[in-house]
Amino acid sequence: ESNGSLMCSTLEETATDMLEEILESDDDDNAEARHGKACACHRILAASVGSKVNMELSMKLHEQITDLVIDYTDDDKTAVKEAASVAQGATVGSTQDPASCLQKVDSVFIKIMKS
């Protein structure tokens, strides 16, 4: 295996681990933590490794992250809502089934645009 392939594999594993950690952490009572999670989801999923995470892993992780980001778009803190709104685009852009993901989040996008 080449160094490039090994590095990509390591990045994918790290990204997957980070997304799983975001889902497992129980610090959602802290607005700064929610904001950080939304930003991290965006950065991971928007990066080139983001779509590979979904290919290498089950769709379940991607769906769970999408649901978390949807929840954050209703947050009482503006910074969390804004970060979640940006992350929502990355969830659609990184999925292997954009039509299905977009259908799931289209009402969220419409609500964001109206606010």
N, C-alpha and C. Protein backbone atom coordinates (compact mmCIF):
# COMPACT_ATOMS: atom_id res chain seq x y z
N GLU A 1 0.86 -1.18 0.00
CA GLU A 1 0.00 0.00 0.00
C GLU A 1 0.90 1.24 0.00
N SER A 2 0.59 2.18 -0.85
CA SER A 2 1.42 3.39 -0.95
C SER A 2 1.18 4.31 0.24
N ASN A 3 2.12 5.22 0.45
CA ASN A 3 1.99 6.18 1.55
C ASN A 3 0.74 7.04 1.37
N GLY A 4 0.43 7.41 0.13
CA GLY A 4 -0.75 8.22 -0.13
C GLY A 4 -2.03 7.50 0.24
N SER A 5 -2.12 6.22 -0.13
CA SER A 5 -3.31 5.43 0.20
C SER A 5 -3.42 5.24 1.70
N LEU A 6 -2.30 4.99 2.35
CA LEU A 6 -2.29 4.81 3.79
C LEU A 6 -2.73 6.09 4.49
N MET A 7 -2.25 7.23 4.01
CA MET A 7 -2.61 8.50 4.62
C MET A 7 -4.11 8.78 4.45
N CYS A 8 -4.64 8.51 3.26
CA CYS A 8 -6.07 8.71 3.02
C CYS A 8 -6.89 7.81 3.92
N SER A 9 -6.45 6.57 4.06
CA SER A 9 -7.14 5.62 4.92
C SER A 9 -7.13 6.11 6.37
N THR A 10 -5.98 6.62 6.81
CA THR A 10 -5.87 7.15 8.17
C THR A 10 -6.77 8.36 8.37
N LEU A 11 -6.84 9.26 7.38
CA LEU A 11 -7.70 10.43 7.48
C LEU A 11 -9.16 10.02 7.56
N GLU A 12 -9.54 9.03 6.76
CA GLU A 12 -10.92 8.55 6.79
C GLU A 12 -11.26 7.96 8.15
N GLU A 13 -10.34 7.16 8.70
CA GLU A 13 -10.57 6.57 10.02
C GLU A 13 -10.67 7.66 11.08
N THR A 14 -9.80 8.65 11.02
CA THR A 14 -9.83 9.75 11.98
C THR A 14 -11.14 10.53 11.86
N ALA A 15 -11.56 10.81 10.65
CA ALA A 15 -12.81 11.54 10.43
C ALA A 15 -13.99 10.74 10.96
N THR A 16 -13.99 9.46 10.69
CA THR A 16 -15.07 8.59 11.18
C THR A 16 -15.08 8.59 12.70
N ASP A 17 -13.91 8.45 13.31
CA ASP A 17 -13.82 8.45 14.77
C ASP A 17 -14.34 9.77 15.34
N MET A 18 -13.99 10.88 14.69
CA MET A 18 -14.43 12.18 15.18
C MET A 18 -15.95 12.31 15.08
N LEU A 19 -16.53 11.87 13.98
CA LEU A 19 -17.99 11.95 13.83
C LEU A 19 -18.68 11.07 14.86
N GLU A 20 -18.15 9.89 15.10
CA GLU A 20 -18.73 9.01 16.12
C GLU A 20 -18.62 9.64 17.50
N GLU A 21 -17.51 10.29 17.78
CA GLU A 21 -17.32 10.95 19.07
C GLU A 21 -18.32 12.10 19.25
N ILE A 22 -18.56 12.83 18.17
CA ILE A 22 -19.55 13.92 18.22
C ILE A 22 -20.92 13.37 18.61
N LEU A 23 -21.29 12.25 18.03
CA LEU A 23 -22.59 11.65 18.33
C LEU A 23 -22.67 11.09 19.75
N GLU A 24 -21.54 10.58 20.24
CA GLU A 24 -21.53 9.94 21.56
C GLU A 24 -21.40 10.92 22.71
N SER A 25 -20.86 12.10 22.46
CA SER A 25 -20.64 13.04 23.56
C SER A 25 -21.97 13.54 24.10
N ASP A 26 -21.98 13.82 25.37
CA ASP A 26 -23.23 14.22 26.03
C ASP A 26 -23.16 15.64 26.58
N ASP A 27 -22.53 16.52 25.82
CA ASP A 27 -22.38 17.90 26.29
C ASP A 27 -23.29 18.86 25.52
N ASP A 28 -24.46 18.38 25.11
CA ASP A 28 -25.36 19.23 24.34
C ASP A 28 -26.03 20.32 25.18
N ASP A 29 -25.83 20.32 26.49
CA ASP A 29 -26.38 21.39 27.31
C ASP A 29 -25.50 22.64 27.23
N ASN A 30 -24.37 22.54 26.56
CA ASN A 30 -23.42 23.64 26.43
C ASN A 30 -23.48 24.18 24.99
N ALA A 31 -23.88 25.44 24.83
CA ALA A 31 -24.02 26.03 23.50
C ALA A 31 -22.70 26.06 22.74
N GLU A 32 -21.61 26.32 23.44
CA GLU A 32 -20.30 26.34 22.76
C GLU A 32 -19.96 24.96 22.21
N ALA A 33 -20.30 23.92 22.95
CA ALA A 33 -20.04 22.55 22.49
C ALA A 33 -20.90 22.22 21.26
N ARG A 34 -22.17 22.63 21.30
CA ARG A 34 -23.04 22.39 20.14
C ARG A 34 -22.52 23.13 18.92
N HIS A 35 -22.09 24.36 19.12
CA HIS A 35 -21.52 25.15 18.02
C HIS A 35 -20.28 24.45 17.46
N GLY A 36 -19.41 23.99 18.34
CA GLY A 36 -18.20 23.29 17.92
C GLY A 36 -18.51 22.01 17.17
N LYS A 37 -19.51 21.28 17.63
CA LYS A 37 -19.89 20.04 16.94
C LYS A 37 -20.41 20.34 15.53
N ALA A 38 -21.25 21.36 15.41
CA ALA A 38 -21.78 21.72 14.09
C ALA A 38 -20.64 22.14 13.15
N CYS A 39 -19.71 22.93 13.67
CA CYS A 39 -18.56 23.37 12.85
C CYS A 39 -17.70 22.17 12.45
N ALA A 40 -17.48 21.25 13.38
CA ALA A 40 -16.67 20.07 13.08
C ALA A 40 -17.34 19.20 12.02
N CYS A 41 -18.65 19.03 12.14
CA CYS A 41 -19.39 18.25 11.13
C CYS A 41 -19.22 18.88 9.76
N HIS A 42 -19.35 20.19 9.70
CA HIS A 42 -19.17 20.88 8.42
C HIS A 42 -17.77 20.65 7.86
N ARG A 43 -16.76 20.88 8.69
CA ARG A 43 -15.37 20.76 8.22
C ARG A 43 -15.05 19.35 7.73
N ILE A 44 -15.52 18.36 8.46
CA ILE A 44 -15.24 16.97 8.08
C ILE A 44 -15.98 16.60 6.80
N LEU A 45 -17.27 16.89 6.76
CA LEU A 45 -18.07 16.48 5.61
C LEU A 45 -17.78 17.30 4.37
N ALA A 46 -17.36 18.55 4.53
CA ALA A 46 -17.05 19.39 3.37
C ALA A 46 -15.67 19.07 2.79
N ALA A 47 -14.81 18.47 3.59
CA ALA A 47 -13.48 18.10 3.11
C ALA A 47 -13.58 16.91 2.16
N SER A 48 -12.55 16.70 1.37
CA SER A 48 -12.58 15.59 0.41
C SER A 48 -12.77 14.25 1.11
N VAL A 49 -12.34 14.15 2.34
CA VAL A 49 -12.50 12.90 3.08
C VAL A 49 -13.96 12.68 3.49
N GLY A 50 -14.77 13.73 3.50
CA GLY A 50 -16.16 13.62 3.95
C GLY A 50 -16.98 12.63 3.16
N SER A 51 -16.92 12.68 1.84
CA SER A 51 -17.70 11.74 1.05
C SER A 51 -17.14 10.33 1.16
N LYS A 52 -15.84 10.20 1.39
CA LYS A 52 -15.25 8.88 1.56
C LYS A 52 -15.67 8.26 2.89
N VAL A 53 -15.88 9.09 3.91
CA VAL A 53 -16.35 8.58 5.19
C VAL A 53 -17.66 7.85 4.97
N ASN A 54 -18.54 8.46 4.22
CA ASN A 54 -19.85 7.84 3.99
C ASN A 54 -19.73 6.59 3.13
N MET A 55 -18.79 6.55 2.18
CA MET A 55 -18.62 5.37 1.35
C MET A 55 -18.05 4.22 2.16
N GLU A 56 -17.13 4.52 3.05
CA GLU A 56 -16.46 3.48 3.80
C GLU A 56 -17.28 2.99 4.99
N LEU A 57 -18.23 3.76 5.38
CA LEU A 57 -19.01 3.44 6.57
C LEU A 57 -20.46 3.25 6.15
N SER A 58 -21.24 2.78 7.04
CA SER A 58 -22.65 2.62 6.73
C SER A 58 -23.31 3.99 6.59
N MET A 59 -24.41 4.02 5.91
CA MET A 59 -25.18 5.25 5.77
C MET A 59 -25.69 5.71 7.13
N LYS A 60 -25.71 4.81 8.10
CA LYS A 60 -26.26 5.14 9.41
C LYS A 60 -25.55 6.32 10.06
N LEU A 61 -24.22 6.35 10.01
CA LEU A 61 -23.47 7.45 10.62
C LEU A 61 -23.83 8.75 9.94
N HIS A 62 -23.88 8.75 8.63
CA HIS A 62 -24.22 9.96 7.89
C HIS A 62 -25.63 10.43 8.26
N GLU A 63 -26.56 9.50 8.35
CA GLU A 63 -27.93 9.85 8.72
C GLU A 63 -27.99 10.42 10.14
N GLN A 64 -27.22 9.84 11.05
CA GLN A 64 -27.21 10.34 12.43
C GLN A 64 -26.63 11.75 12.49
N ILE A 65 -25.56 12.00 11.75
CA ILE A 65 -24.98 13.34 11.72
C ILE A 65 -25.97 14.32 11.10
N THR A 66 -26.63 13.90 10.03
CA THR A 66 -27.64 14.76 9.39
C THR A 66 -28.74 15.11 10.38
N ASP A 67 -29.22 14.13 11.13
CA ASP A 67 -30.27 14.37 12.13
C ASP A 67 -29.79 15.33 13.22
N LEU A 68 -28.55 15.16 13.66
CA LEU A 68 -28.01 16.04 14.69
C LEU A 68 -27.97 17.48 14.18
N VAL A 69 -27.48 17.65 12.96
CA VAL A 69 -27.38 18.99 12.38
C VAL A 69 -28.77 19.59 12.19
N ILE A 70 -29.74 18.78 11.79
CA ILE A 70 -31.13 19.27 11.67
C ILE A 70 -31.61 19.77 13.04
N ASP A 71 -31.34 19.01 14.08
CA ASP A 71 -31.75 19.43 15.44
C ASP A 71 -31.11 20.76 15.81
N TYR A 72 -29.84 20.94 15.45
CA TYR A 72 -29.14 22.16 15.80
C TYR A 72 -29.67 23.38 15.04
N THR A 73 -30.35 23.19 13.92
CA THR A 73 -30.91 24.33 13.20
C THR A 73 -32.07 24.95 13.97
N ASP A 74 -32.58 24.25 14.99
CA ASP A 74 -33.64 24.77 15.85
C ASP A 74 -33.11 25.24 17.20
N ASP A 75 -31.82 25.37 17.32
CA ASP A 75 -31.20 25.73 18.59
C ASP A 75 -31.62 27.13 19.03
N ASP A 76 -31.57 27.37 20.34
CA ASP A 76 -31.94 28.69 20.87
C ASP A 76 -30.80 29.71 20.73
N LYS A 77 -29.61 29.24 20.39
CA LYS A 77 -28.46 30.13 20.21
C LYS A 77 -28.20 30.36 18.72
N THR A 78 -28.10 31.62 18.33
CA THR A 78 -27.91 31.98 16.92
C THR A 78 -26.65 31.36 16.33
N ALA A 79 -25.56 31.39 17.07
CA ALA A 79 -24.30 30.85 16.55
C ALA A 79 -24.43 29.36 16.21
N VAL A 80 -25.16 28.63 17.02
CA VAL A 80 -25.36 27.20 16.78
C VAL A 80 -26.22 27.01 15.53
N LYS A 81 -27.30 27.79 15.43
CA LYS A 81 -28.17 27.72 14.25
C LYS A 81 -27.40 28.01 12.97
N GLU A 82 -26.58 29.05 13.00
CA GLU A 82 -25.82 29.43 11.82
C GLU A 82 -24.82 28.34 11.43
N ALA A 83 -24.11 27.80 12.40
CA ALA A 83 -23.14 26.74 12.11
C ALA A 83 -23.85 25.50 11.58
N ALA A 84 -25.01 25.19 12.14
CA ALA A 84 -25.78 24.03 11.68
C ALA A 84 -26.30 24.25 10.26
N SER A 85 -26.67 25.47 9.95
CA SER A 85 -27.15 25.77 8.60
C SER A 85 -26.06 25.54 7.57
N VAL A 86 -24.85 25.94 7.89
CA VAL A 86 -23.71 25.72 7.00
C VAL A 86 -23.41 24.22 6.90
N ALA A 87 -23.43 23.55 8.04
CA ALA A 87 -23.14 22.11 8.07
C ALA A 87 -24.17 21.32 7.28
N GLN A 88 -25.40 21.82 7.24
CA GLN A 88 -26.46 21.10 6.53
C GLN A 88 -26.12 20.95 5.05
N GLY A 89 -25.53 21.96 4.46
CA GLY A 89 -25.12 21.86 3.06
C GLY A 89 -24.08 20.78 2.86
N ALA A 90 -23.18 20.65 3.83
CA ALA A 90 -22.14 19.62 3.73
C ALA A 90 -22.72 18.22 3.88
N THR A 91 -23.80 18.08 4.64
CA THR A 91 -24.41 16.75 4.77
C THR A 91 -24.97 16.31 3.42
N VAL A 92 -25.58 17.24 2.71
CA VAL A 92 -26.13 16.90 1.38
C VAL A 92 -25.00 16.65 0.40
N GLY A 93 -23.98 17.49 0.45
CA GLY A 93 -22.88 17.38 -0.49
C GLY A 93 -22.01 16.15 -0.30
N SER A 94 -22.04 15.54 0.87
CA SER A 94 -21.15 14.41 1.13
C SER A 94 -21.85 13.06 1.07
N THR A 95 -23.14 13.05 0.92
CA THR A 95 -23.86 11.79 0.92
C THR A 95 -23.72 11.06 -0.41
N GLN A 96 -23.88 9.77 -0.38
CA GLN A 96 -23.89 8.97 -1.61
C GLN A 96 -25.26 8.97 -2.24
N ASP A 97 -26.27 9.49 -1.52
CA ASP A 97 -27.64 9.55 -2.03
C ASP A 97 -28.18 10.97 -1.82
N PRO A 98 -27.69 11.93 -2.63
CA PRO A 98 -28.07 13.33 -2.43
C PRO A 98 -29.57 13.59 -2.54
N ALA A 99 -30.25 12.89 -3.43
CA ALA A 99 -31.69 13.13 -3.60
C ALA A 99 -32.45 12.78 -2.32
N SER A 100 -32.11 11.66 -1.72
CA SER A 100 -32.76 11.24 -0.48
C SER A 100 -32.43 12.17 0.67
N CYS A 101 -31.16 12.55 0.77
CA CYS A 101 -30.73 13.45 1.85
C CYS A 101 -31.38 14.82 1.68
N LEU A 102 -31.41 15.31 0.45
CA LEU A 102 -32.02 16.62 0.19
C LEU A 102 -33.51 16.59 0.52
N GLN A 103 -34.16 15.49 0.20
CA GLN A 103 -35.58 15.36 0.53
C GLN A 103 -35.79 15.43 2.04
N LYS A 104 -34.85 14.85 2.78
CA LYS A 104 -34.94 14.85 4.24
C LYS A 104 -34.76 16.25 4.82
N VAL A 105 -33.92 17.07 4.17
CA VAL A 105 -33.57 18.37 4.75
C VAL A 105 -34.20 19.55 4.03
N ASP A 106 -34.96 19.32 2.96
CA ASP A 106 -35.46 20.46 2.18
C ASP A 106 -36.32 21.40 3.00
N SER A 107 -37.13 20.85 3.90
CA SER A 107 -37.97 21.73 4.74
C SER A 107 -37.11 22.55 5.70
N VAL A 108 -35.98 21.98 6.11
CA VAL A 108 -35.05 22.70 6.98
C VAL A 108 -34.45 23.88 6.21
N PHE A 109 -34.03 23.63 4.96
CA PHE A 109 -33.47 24.71 4.13
C PHE A 109 -34.50 25.82 3.90
N ILE A 110 -35.73 25.43 3.63
CA ILE A 110 -36.78 26.42 3.39
C ILE A 110 -37.02 27.25 4.65
N LYS A 111 -37.05 26.60 5.80
CA LYS A 111 -37.25 27.32 7.06
C LYS A 111 -36.09 28.30 7.32
N ILE A 112 -34.87 27.86 7.02
CA ILE A 112 -33.70 28.72 7.21
C ILE A 112 -33.80 29.95 6.29
N MET A 113 -34.18 29.73 5.04
CA MET A 113 -34.27 30.83 4.09
C MET A 113 -35.36 31.83 4.47
N LYS A 114 -36.40 31.36 5.13
CA LYS A 114 -37.49 32.25 5.53
C LYS A 114 -37.16 33.06 6.78
N SER A 115 -36.17 32.59 7.53
CA SER A 115 -35.87 33.30 8.79
C SER A 115 -34.85 34.39 8.61
